[in-house]
Amino acid sequence: MGYNIYLLKENKKMANHQSSLKRIRQTEKRRLHNRYYAKTARNAVRKLRSLENKEEARALFAKVSSMLDRLAKKNIIHKNKAGNLKSKLALKVNKL
């Protein structure tokens, strides 16, 4: 019971059922997981945009493209956003 009170104070939610307390825990865990992977992808895109060497850029583009596809598949980012990013990055890599 003490855990539930701590959880309620932490999230400032007035949950009345065990299932809603569990849902709060799951949602928070999922949010942190998604935020980590989205941030990792943004950093990878930023790194790819800063590269000037074509060979390095091509190698990293394959990894970043795969990462974006996986995030879109898991609904962490929207599929159109993943497609737009991949398209712009491909143009950048091909211009090098």
PDB file of N, CA and C in Angstrom:
ATOM      1  N   MET A   1       0.822  -1.200   0.000  1.00  0.00           N
ATOM      2  CA  MET A   1       0.000   0.000   0.000  1.00  0.00           C
ATOM      3  C   MET A   1       0.866   1.264   0.000  1.00  0.00           C
ATOM      4  N   GLY A   2       1.995   1.210   0.700  1.00  0.00           N
ATOM      5  CA  GLY A   2       2.869   2.367   0.757  1.00  0.00           C
ATOM      6  C   GLY A   2       3.399   2.749  -0.612  1.00  0.00           C
ATOM      7  N   TYR A   3       3.630   1.743  -1.459  1.00  0.00           N
ATOM      8  CA  TYR A   3       4.126   2.008  -2.812  1.00  0.00           C
ATOM      9  C   TYR A   3       3.107   2.798  -3.601  1.00  0.00           C
ATOM     10  N   ASN A   4       1.853   2.451  -3.463  1.00  0.00           N
ATOM     11  CA  ASN A   4       0.796   3.140  -4.209  1.00  0.00           C
ATOM     12  C   ASN A   4       0.693   4.606  -3.805  1.00  0.00           C
ATOM     13  N   ILE A   5       0.837   4.885  -2.524  1.00  0.00           N
ATOM     14  CA  ILE A   5       0.775   6.273  -2.068  1.00  0.00           C
ATOM     15  C   ILE A   5       1.950   7.048  -2.645  1.00  0.00           C
ATOM     16  N   TYR A   6       3.145   6.452  -2.639  1.00  0.00           N
ATOM     17  CA  TYR A   6       4.313   7.092  -3.225  1.00  0.00           C
ATOM     18  C   TYR A   6       4.089   7.361  -4.702  1.00  0.00           C
ATOM     19  N   LEU A   7       3.521   6.389  -5.395  1.00  0.00           N
ATOM     20  CA  LEU A   7       3.269   6.538  -6.827  1.00  0.00           C
ATOM     21  C   LEU A   7       2.281   7.668  -7.073  1.00  0.00           C
ATOM     22  N   LEU A   8       1.254   7.748  -6.236  1.00  0.00           N
ATOM     23  CA  LEU A   8       0.253   8.799  -6.414  1.00  0.00           C
ATOM     24  C   LEU A   8       0.859  10.176  -6.175  1.00  0.00           C
ATOM     25  N   LYS A   9       1.724  10.288  -5.165  1.00  0.00           N
ATOM     26  CA  LYS A   9       2.370  11.572  -4.900  1.00  0.00           C
ATOM     27  C   LYS A   9       3.322  11.932  -6.033  1.00  0.00           C
ATOM     28  N   GLU A  10       4.038  10.923  -6.532  1.00  0.00           N
ATOM     29  CA  GLU A  10       5.018  11.139  -7.593  1.00  0.00           C
ATOM     30  C   GLU A  10       4.358  11.663  -8.868  1.00  0.00           C
ATOM     31  N   ASN A  11       3.274  11.009  -9.313  1.00  0.00           N
ATOM     32  CA  ASN A  11       2.633  11.351 -10.575  1.00  0.00           C
ATOM     33  C   ASN A  11       1.468  12.324 -10.426  1.00  0.00           C
ATOM     34  N   LYS A  12       1.070  12.589  -9.182  1.00  0.00           N
ATOM     35  CA  LYS A  12      -0.055  13.480  -8.912  1.00  0.00           C
ATOM     36  C   LYS A  12      -1.320  13.015  -9.643  1.00  0.00           C
ATOM     37  N   LYS A  13      -1.524  11.701  -9.660  1.00  0.00           N
ATOM     38  CA  LYS A  13      -2.714  11.113 -10.269  1.00  0.00           C
ATOM     39  C   LYS A  13      -3.549  10.496  -9.154  1.00  0.00           C
ATOM     40  N   MET A  14      -4.834  10.633  -9.288  1.00  0.00           N
ATOM     41  CA  MET A  14      -5.735  10.032  -8.319  1.00  0.00           C
ATOM     42  C   MET A  14      -6.283   8.744  -8.926  1.00  0.00           C
ATOM     43  N   ALA A  15      -5.517   7.693  -8.820  1.00  0.00           N
ATOM     44  CA  ALA A  15      -5.939   6.409  -9.368  1.00  0.00           C
ATOM     45  C   ALA A  15      -6.737   5.656  -8.307  1.00  0.00           C
ATOM     46  N   ASN A  16      -7.824   5.040  -8.721  1.00  0.00           N
ATOM     47  CA  ASN A  16      -8.695   4.338  -7.789  1.00  0.00           C
ATOM     48  C   ASN A  16      -8.616   2.823  -7.927  1.00  0.00           C
ATOM     49  N   HIS A  17      -7.921   2.330  -8.947  1.00  0.00           N
ATOM     50  CA  HIS A  17      -7.871   0.893  -9.182  1.00  0.00           C
ATOM     51  C   HIS A  17      -6.434   0.455  -9.418  1.00  0.00           C
ATOM     52  N   GLN A  18      -6.180  -0.806  -9.090  1.00  0.00           N
ATOM     53  CA  GLN A  18      -4.859  -1.362  -9.333  1.00  0.00           C
ATOM     54  C   GLN A  18      -4.505  -1.294 -10.821  1.00  0.00           C
ATOM     55  N   SER A  19      -5.490  -1.525 -11.673  1.00  0.00           N
ATOM     56  CA  SER A  19      -5.217  -1.511 -13.111  1.00  0.00           C
ATOM     57  C   SER A  19      -4.796  -0.123 -13.579  1.00  0.00           C
ATOM     58  N   SER A  20      -5.398   0.918 -13.002  1.00  0.00           N
ATOM     59  CA  SER A  20      -5.003   2.270 -13.413  1.00  0.00           C
ATOM     60  C   SER A  20      -3.629   2.639 -12.863  1.00  0.00           C
ATOM     61  N   LEU A  21      -3.294   2.130 -11.684  1.00  0.00           N
ATOM     62  CA  LEU A  21      -1.940   2.350 -11.160  1.00  0.00           C
ATOM     63  C   LEU A  21      -0.912   1.654 -12.045  1.00  0.00           C
ATOM     64  N   LYS A  22      -1.236   0.439 -12.472  1.00  0.00           N
ATOM     65  CA  LYS A  22      -0.345  -0.296 -13.362  1.00  0.00           C
ATOM     66  C   LYS A  22      -0.198   0.429 -14.690  1.00  0.00           C
ATOM     67  N   ARG A  23      -1.302   0.953 -15.198  1.00  0.00           N
ATOM     68  CA  ARG A  23      -1.275   1.678 -16.470  1.00  0.00           C
ATOM     69  C   ARG A  23      -0.365   2.900 -16.360  1.00  0.00           C
ATOM     70  N   ILE A  24      -0.416   3.592 -15.220  1.00  0.00           N
ATOM     71  CA  ILE A  24       0.457   4.756 -15.002  1.00  0.00           C
ATOM     72  C   ILE A  24       1.921   4.330 -15.048  1.00  0.00           C
ATOM     73  N   ARG A  25       2.240   3.212 -14.385  1.00  0.00           N
ATOM     74  CA  ARG A  25       3.622   2.716 -14.382  1.00  0.00           C
ATOM     75  C   ARG A  25       4.067   2.335 -15.785  1.00  0.00           C
ATOM     76  N   GLN A  26       3.200   1.629 -16.512  1.00  0.00           N
ATOM     77  CA  GLN A  26       3.554   1.185 -17.864  1.00  0.00           C
ATOM     78  C   GLN A  26       3.763   2.366 -18.800  1.00  0.00           C
ATOM     79  N   THR A  27       2.880   3.337 -18.708  1.00  0.00           N
ATOM     80  CA  THR A  27       2.955   4.503 -19.582  1.00  0.00           C
ATOM     81  C   THR A  27       4.242   5.277 -19.352  1.00  0.00           C
ATOM     82  N   GLU A  28       4.613   5.450 -18.090  1.00  0.00           N
ATOM     83  CA  GLU A  28       5.842   6.177 -17.769  1.00  0.00           C
ATOM     84  C   GLU A  28       7.063   5.428 -18.295  1.00  0.00           C
ATOM     85  N   LYS A  29       7.088   4.120 -18.102  1.00  0.00           N
ATOM     86  CA  LYS A  29       8.212   3.307 -18.569  1.00  0.00           C
ATOM     87  C   LYS A  29       8.318   3.376 -20.088  1.00  0.00           C
ATOM     88  N   ARG A  30       7.188   3.284 -20.776  1.00  0.00           N
ATOM     89  CA  ARG A  30       7.163   3.326 -22.241  1.00  0.00           C
ATOM     90  C   ARG A  30       7.595   4.698 -22.756  1.00  0.00           C
ATOM     91  N   ARG A  31       7.155   5.754 -22.065  1.00  0.00           N
ATOM     92  CA  ARG A  31       7.511   7.113 -22.464  1.00  0.00           C
ATOM     93  C   ARG A  31       9.022   7.321 -22.397  1.00  0.00           C
ATOM     94  N   LEU A  32       9.638   6.873 -21.312  1.00  0.00           N
ATOM     95  CA  LEU A  32      11.085   7.019 -21.174  1.00  0.00           C
ATOM     96  C   LEU A  32      11.831   6.199 -22.221  1.00  0.00           C
ATOM     97  N   HIS A  33      11.344   5.000 -22.499  1.00  0.00           N
ATOM     98  CA  HIS A  33      11.953   4.138 -23.519  1.00  0.00           C
ATOM     99  C   HIS A  33      11.882   4.809 -24.887  1.00  0.00           C
ATOM    100  N   ASN A  34      10.709   5.305 -25.246  1.00  0.00           N
ATOM    101  CA  ASN A  34      10.529   5.951 -26.547  1.00  0.00           C
ATOM    102  C   ASN A  34      11.366   7.214 -26.659  1.00  0.00           C
ATOM    103  N   ARG A  35      11.440   7.984 -25.579  1.00  0.00           N
ATOM    104  CA  ARG A  35      12.214   9.220 -25.591  1.00  0.00           C
ATOM    105  C   ARG A  35      13.690   8.932 -25.818  1.00  0.00           C
ATOM    106  N   TYR A  36      14.207   7.867 -25.202  1.00  0.00           N
ATOM    107  CA  TYR A  36      15.610   7.497 -25.373  1.00  0.00           C
ATOM    108  C   TYR A  36      15.911   7.184 -26.836  1.00  0.00           C
ATOM    109  N   TYR A  37      15.084   6.340 -27.462  1.00  0.00           N
ATOM    110  CA  TYR A  37      15.355   5.940 -28.840  1.00  0.00           C
ATOM    111  C   TYR A  37      15.141   7.078 -29.826  1.00  0.00           C
ATOM    112  N   ALA A  38      14.163   7.935 -29.579  1.00  0.00           N
ATOM    113  CA  ALA A  38      13.952   9.086 -30.460  1.00  0.00           C
ATOM    114  C   ALA A  38      15.136  10.043 -30.370  1.00  0.00           C
ATOM    115  N   LYS A  39      15.645  10.254 -29.164  1.00  0.00           N
ATOM    116  CA  LYS A  39      16.788  11.144 -28.979  1.00  0.00           C
ATOM    117  C   LYS A  39      18.043  10.556 -29.633  1.00  0.00           C
ATOM    118  N   THR A  40      18.229   9.247 -29.511  1.00  0.00           N
ATOM    119  CA  THR A  40      19.370   8.578 -30.137  1.00  0.00           C
ATOM    120  C   THR A  40      19.322   8.752 -31.653  1.00  0.00           C
ATOM    121  N   ALA A  41      18.132   8.622 -32.219  1.00  0.00           N
ATOM    122  CA  ALA A  41      17.980   8.789 -33.665  1.00  0.00           C
ATOM    123  C   ALA A  41      18.269  10.229 -34.081  1.00  0.00           C
ATOM    124  N   ARG A  42      17.785  11.191 -33.312  1.00  0.00           N
ATOM    125  CA  ARG A  42      18.052  12.600 -33.638  1.00  0.00           C
ATOM    126  C   ARG A  42      19.544  12.892 -33.609  1.00  0.00           C
ATOM    127  N   ASN A  43      20.249  12.335 -32.630  1.00  0.00           N
ATOM    128  CA  ASN A  43      21.698  12.536 -32.557  1.00  0.00           C
ATOM    129  C   ASN A  43      22.400  11.903 -33.748  1.00  0.00           C
ATOM    130  N   ALA A  44      21.937  10.739 -34.169  1.00  0.00           N
ATOM    131  CA  ALA A  44      22.543  10.069 -35.326  1.00  0.00           C
ATOM    132  C   ALA A  44      22.318  10.884 -36.598  1.00  0.00           C
ATOM    133  N   VAL A  45      21.127  11.442 -36.748  1.00  0.00           N
ATOM    134  CA  VAL A  45      20.822  12.282 -37.919  1.00  0.00           C
ATOM    135  C   VAL A  45      21.710  13.525 -37.898  1.00  0.00           C
ATOM    136  N   ARG A  46      21.852  14.112 -36.731  1.00  0.00           N
ATOM    137  CA  ARG A  46      22.693  15.311 -36.594  1.00  0.00           C
ATOM    138  C   ARG A  46      24.140  14.996 -36.961  1.00  0.00           C
ATOM    139  N   LYS A  47      24.616  13.835 -36.514  1.00  0.00           N
ATOM    140  CA  LYS A  47      25.994  13.435 -36.823  1.00  0.00           C
ATOM    141  C   LYS A  47      26.166  13.217 -38.327  1.00  0.00           C
ATOM    142  N   LEU A  48      25.181  12.580 -38.957  1.00  0.00           N
ATOM    143  CA  LEU A  48      25.249  12.324 -40.397  1.00  0.00           C
ATOM    144  C   LEU A  48      25.259  13.632 -41.184  1.00  0.00           C
ATOM    145  N   ARG A  49      24.463  14.592 -40.761  1.00  0.00           N
ATOM    146  CA  ARG A  49      24.416  15.888 -41.465  1.00  0.00           C
ATOM    147  C   ARG A  49      25.734  16.636 -41.367  1.00  0.00           C
ATOM    148  N   SER A  50      26.485  16.392 -40.296  1.00  0.00           N
ATOM    149  CA  SER A  50      27.736  17.128 -40.106  1.00  0.00           C
ATOM    150  C   SER A  50      28.922  16.495 -40.841  1.00  0.00           C
ATOM    151  N   LEU A  51      28.752  15.268 -41.347  1.00  0.00           N
ATOM    152  CA  LEU A  51      29.864  14.589 -42.018  1.00  0.00           C
ATOM    153  C   LEU A  51      30.171  15.221 -43.372  1.00  0.00           C
ATOM    154  N   GLU A  52      31.460  15.213 -43.721  1.00  0.00           N
ATOM    155  CA  GLU A  52      31.908  15.737 -45.012  1.00  0.00           C
ATOM    156  C   GLU A  52      32.500  14.644 -45.907  1.00  0.00           C
ATOM    157  N   ASN A  53      32.866  13.517 -45.316  1.00  0.00           N
ATOM    158  CA  ASN A  53      33.460  12.409 -46.061  1.00  0.00           C
ATOM    159  C   ASN A  53      32.346  11.525 -46.633  1.00  0.00           C
ATOM    160  N   LYS A  54      32.360  11.314 -47.934  1.00  0.00           N
ATOM    161  CA  LYS A  54      31.268  10.581 -48.593  1.00  0.00           C
ATOM    162  C   LYS A  54      31.192   9.116 -48.163  1.00  0.00           C
ATOM    163  N   GLU A  55      32.335   8.453 -48.017  1.00  0.00           N
ATOM    164  CA  GLU A  55      32.328   7.040 -47.631  1.00  0.00           C
ATOM    165  C   GLU A  55      31.754   6.859 -46.225  1.00  0.00           C
ATOM    166  N   GLU A  56      32.197   7.698 -45.299  1.00  0.00           N
ATOM    167  CA  GLU A  56      31.674   7.634 -43.934  1.00  0.00           C
ATOM    168  C   GLU A  56      30.177   7.926 -43.919  1.00  0.00           C
ATOM    169  N   ALA A  57      29.783   8.917 -44.700  1.00  0.00           N
ATOM    170  CA  ALA A  57      28.378   9.308 -44.750  1.00  0.00           C
ATOM    171  C   ALA A  57      27.505   8.174 -45.293  1.00  0.00           C
ATOM    172  N   ARG A  58      28.002   7.490 -46.321  1.00  0.00           N
ATOM    173  CA  ARG A  58      27.228   6.366 -46.886  1.00  0.00           C
ATOM    174  C   ARG A  58      27.063   5.242 -45.876  1.00  0.00           C
ATOM    175  N   ALA A  59      28.127   4.936 -45.156  1.00  0.00           N
ATOM    176  CA  ALA A  59      28.065   3.874 -44.153  1.00  0.00           C
ATOM    177  C   ALA A  59      27.090   4.239 -43.035  1.00  0.00           C
ATOM    178  N   LEU A  60      27.175   5.477 -42.580  1.00  0.00           N
ATOM    179  CA  LEU A  60      26.288   5.919 -41.500  1.00  0.00           C
ATOM    180  C   LEU A  60      24.849   6.067 -41.986  1.00  0.00           C
ATOM    181  N   PHE A  61      24.673   6.446 -43.251  1.00  0.00           N
ATOM    182  CA  PHE A  61      23.318   6.603 -43.797  1.00  0.00           C
ATOM    183  C   PHE A  61      22.547   5.285 -43.746  1.00  0.00           C
ATOM    184  N   ALA A  62      23.222   4.183 -44.048  1.00  0.00           N
ATOM    185  CA  ALA A  62      22.551   2.877 -44.000  1.00  0.00           C
ATOM    186  C   ALA A  62      22.065   2.573 -42.588  1.00  0.00           C
ATOM    187  N   LYS A  63      22.896   2.868 -41.589  1.00  0.00           N
ATOM    188  CA  LYS A  63      22.518   2.607 -40.197  1.00  0.00           C
ATOM    189  C   LYS A  63      21.388   3.526 -39.745  1.00  0.00           C
ATOM    190  N   VAL A  64      21.502   4.803 -40.094  1.00  0.00           N
ATOM    191  CA  VAL A  64      20.474   5.770 -39.688  1.00  0.00           C
ATOM    192  C   VAL A  64      19.147   5.455 -40.369  1.00  0.00           C
ATOM    193  N   SER A  65      19.211   5.078 -41.625  1.00  0.00           N
ATOM    194  CA  SER A  65      17.999   4.732 -42.367  1.00  0.00           C
ATOM    195  C   SER A  65      17.294   3.542 -41.721  1.00  0.00           C
ATOM    196  N   SER A  66      18.052   2.546 -41.357  1.00  0.00           N
ATOM    197  CA  SER A  66      17.503   1.369 -40.684  1.00  0.00           C
ATOM    198  C   SER A  66      16.890   1.750 -39.334  1.00  0.00           C
ATOM    199  N   MET A  67      17.588   2.603 -38.598  1.00  0.00           N
ATOM    200  CA  MET A  67      17.102   3.049 -37.296  1.00  0.00           C
ATOM    201  C   MET A  67      15.765   3.784 -37.435  1.00  0.00           C
ATOM    202  N   LEU A  68      15.678   4.672 -38.425  1.00  0.00           N
ATOM    203  CA  LEU A  68      14.443   5.423 -38.641  1.00  0.00           C
ATOM    204  C   LEU A  68      13.290   4.496 -39.022  1.00  0.00           C
ATOM    205  N   ASP A  69      13.582   3.497 -39.851  1.00  0.00           N
ATOM    206  CA  ASP A  69      12.548   2.527 -40.227  1.00  0.00           C
ATOM    207  C   ASP A  69      12.030   1.760 -39.015  1.00  0.00           C
ATOM    208  N   ARG A  70      12.950   1.343 -38.147  1.00  0.00           N
ATOM    209  CA  ARG A  70      12.537   0.608 -36.949  1.00  0.00           C
ATOM    210  C   ARG A  70      11.691   1.479 -36.025  1.00  0.00           C
ATOM    211  N   LEU A  71      12.076   2.746 -35.867  1.00  0.00           N
ATOM    212  CA  LEU A  71      11.303   3.651 -35.012  1.00  0.00           C
ATOM    213  C   LEU A  71       9.914   3.898 -35.584  1.00  0.00           C
ATOM    214  N   ALA A  72       9.830   4.006 -36.896  1.00  0.00           N
ATOM    215  CA  ALA A  72       8.530   4.209 -37.533  1.00  0.00           C
ATOM    216  C   ALA A  72       7.664   2.964 -37.386  1.00  0.00           C
ATOM    217  N   LYS A  73       8.267   1.803 -37.504  1.00  0.00           N
ATOM    218  CA  LYS A  73       7.530   0.546 -37.373  1.00  0.00           C
ATOM    219  C   LYS A  73       6.940   0.401 -35.974  1.00  0.00           C
ATOM    220  N   LYS A  74       7.668   0.876 -34.970  1.00  0.00           N
ATOM    221  CA  LYS A  74       7.208   0.787 -33.583  1.00  0.00           C
ATOM    222  C   LYS A  74       6.397   2.010 -33.149  1.00  0.00           C
ATOM    223  N   ASN A  75       6.083   2.888 -34.083  1.00  0.00           N
ATOM    224  CA  ASN A  75       5.288   4.092 -33.829  1.00  0.00           C
ATOM    225  C   ASN A  75       5.933   5.038 -32.823  1.00  0.00           C
ATOM    226  N   ILE A  76       7.245   5.056 -32.766  1.00  0.00           N
ATOM    227  CA  ILE A  76       7.935   6.025 -31.928  1.00  0.00           C
ATOM    228  C   ILE A  76       8.007   7.350 -32.684  1.00  0.00           C
ATOM    229  N   ILE A  77       8.236   7.279 -33.994  1.00  0.00           N
ATOM    230  CA  ILE A  77       8.085   8.451 -34.853  1.00  0.00           C
ATOM    231  C   ILE A  77       7.111   8.086 -35.963  1.00  0.00           C
ATOM    232  N   HIS A  78       6.531   9.077 -36.601  1.00  0.00           N
ATOM    233  CA  HIS A  78       5.560   8.826 -37.665  1.00  0.00           C
ATOM    234  C   HIS A  78       6.269   8.311 -38.910  1.00  0.00           C
ATOM    235  N   LYS A  79       5.599   7.445 -39.652  1.00  0.00           N
ATOM    236  CA  LYS A  79       6.231   6.849 -40.837  1.00  0.00           C
ATOM    237  C   LYS A  79       6.567   7.897 -41.887  1.00  0.00           C
ATOM    238  N   ASN A  80       5.745   8.942 -42.013  1.00  0.00           N
ATOM    239  CA  ASN A  80       6.045  10.000 -42.982  1.00  0.00           C
ATOM    240  C   ASN A  80       7.261  10.814 -42.556  1.00  0.00           C
ATOM    241  N   LYS A  81       7.418  11.029 -41.262  1.00  0.00           N
ATOM    242  CA  LYS A  81       8.596  11.748 -40.771  1.00  0.00           C
ATOM    243  C   LYS A  81       9.857  10.950 -41.077  1.00  0.00           C
ATOM    244  N   ALA A  82       9.791   9.638 -40.869  1.00  0.00           N
ATOM    245  CA  ALA A  82      10.940   8.786 -41.175  1.00  0.00           C
ATOM    246  C   ALA A  82      11.263   8.861 -42.660  1.00  0.00           C
ATOM    247  N   GLY A  83      10.243   8.818 -43.505  1.00  0.00           N
ATOM    248  CA  GLY A  83      10.463   8.898 -44.948  1.00  0.00           C
ATOM    249  C   GLY A  83      11.039  10.224 -45.373  1.00  0.00           C
ATOM    250  N   ASN A  84      10.531  11.301 -44.804  1.00  0.00           N
ATOM    251  CA  ASN A  84      11.046  12.635 -45.141  1.00  0.00           C
ATOM    252  C   ASN A  84      12.505  12.786 -44.718  1.00  0.00           C
ATOM    253  N   LEU A  85      12.830  12.316 -43.522  1.00  0.00           N
ATOM    254  CA  LEU A  85      14.216  12.406 -43.051  1.00  0.00           C
ATOM    255  C   LEU A  85      15.142  11.593 -43.949  1.00  0.00           C
ATOM    256  N   LYS A  86      14.747  10.377 -44.283  1.00  0.00           N
ATOM    257  CA  LYS A  86      15.578   9.522 -45.135  1.00  0.00           C
ATOM    258  C   LYS A  86      15.787  10.161 -46.502  1.00  0.00           C
ATOM    259  N   SER A  87      14.751  10.768 -47.043  1.00  0.00           N
ATOM    260  CA  SER A  87      14.852  11.406 -48.350  1.00  0.00           C
ATOM    261  C   SER A  87      15.841  12.570 -48.321  1.00  0.00           C
ATOM    262  N   LYS A  88      15.713  13.425 -47.309  1.00  0.00           N
ATOM    263  CA  LYS A  88      16.608  14.581 -47.215  1.00  0.00           C
ATOM    264  C   LYS A  88      18.042  14.158 -46.942  1.00  0.00           C
ATOM    265  N   LEU A  89      18.207  13.117 -46.118  1.00  0.00           N
ATOM    266  CA  LEU A  89      19.558  12.641 -45.835  1.00  0.00           C
ATOM    267  C   LEU A  89      20.188  12.006 -47.073  1.00  0.00           C
ATOM    268  N   ALA A  90      19.391  11.306 -47.853  1.00  0.00           N
ATOM    269  CA  ALA A  90      19.906  10.696 -49.094  1.00  0.00           C
ATOM    270  C   ALA A  90      20.377  11.778 -50.060  1.00  0.00           C
ATOM    271  N   LEU A  91      19.615  12.863 -50.170  1.00  0.00           N
ATOM    272  CA  LEU A  91      20.031  13.971 -51.028  1.00  0.00           C
ATOM    273  C   LEU A  91      21.353  14.554 -50.544  1.00  0.00           C
ATOM    274  N   LYS A  92      21.470  14.736 -49.247  1.00  0.00           N
ATOM    275  CA  LYS A  92      22.691  15.293 -48.673  1.00  0.00           C
ATOM    276  C   LYS A  92      23.895  14.388 -48.945  1.00  0.00           C
ATOM    277  N   VAL A  93      23.713  13.078 -48.725  1.00  0.00           N
ATOM    278  CA  VAL A  93      24.814  12.126 -48.929  1.00  0.00           C
ATOM    279  C   VAL A  93      25.220  12.094 -50.401  1.00  0.00           C
ATOM    280  N   ASN A  94      24.250  12.132 -51.296  1.00  0.00           N
ATOM    281  CA  ASN A  94      24.557  12.071 -52.741  1.00  0.00           C
ATOM    282  C   ASN A  94      25.238  13.346 -53.249  1.00  0.00           C
ATOM    283  N   LYS A  95      25.006  14.472 -52.570  1.00  0.00           N
ATOM    284  CA  LYS A  95      25.649  15.719 -52.995  1.00  0.00           C
ATOM    285  C   LYS A  95      27.116  15.781 -52.605  1.00  0.00           C
ATOM    286  N   LEU A  96      27.499  14.976 -51.609  1.00  0.00           N
ATOM    287  CA  LEU A  96      28.898  15.032 -51.136  1.00  0.00           C
ATOM    288  C   LEU A  96      29.873  14.609 -52.226  1.00  0.00           C
TER     289      LEU A  96
END
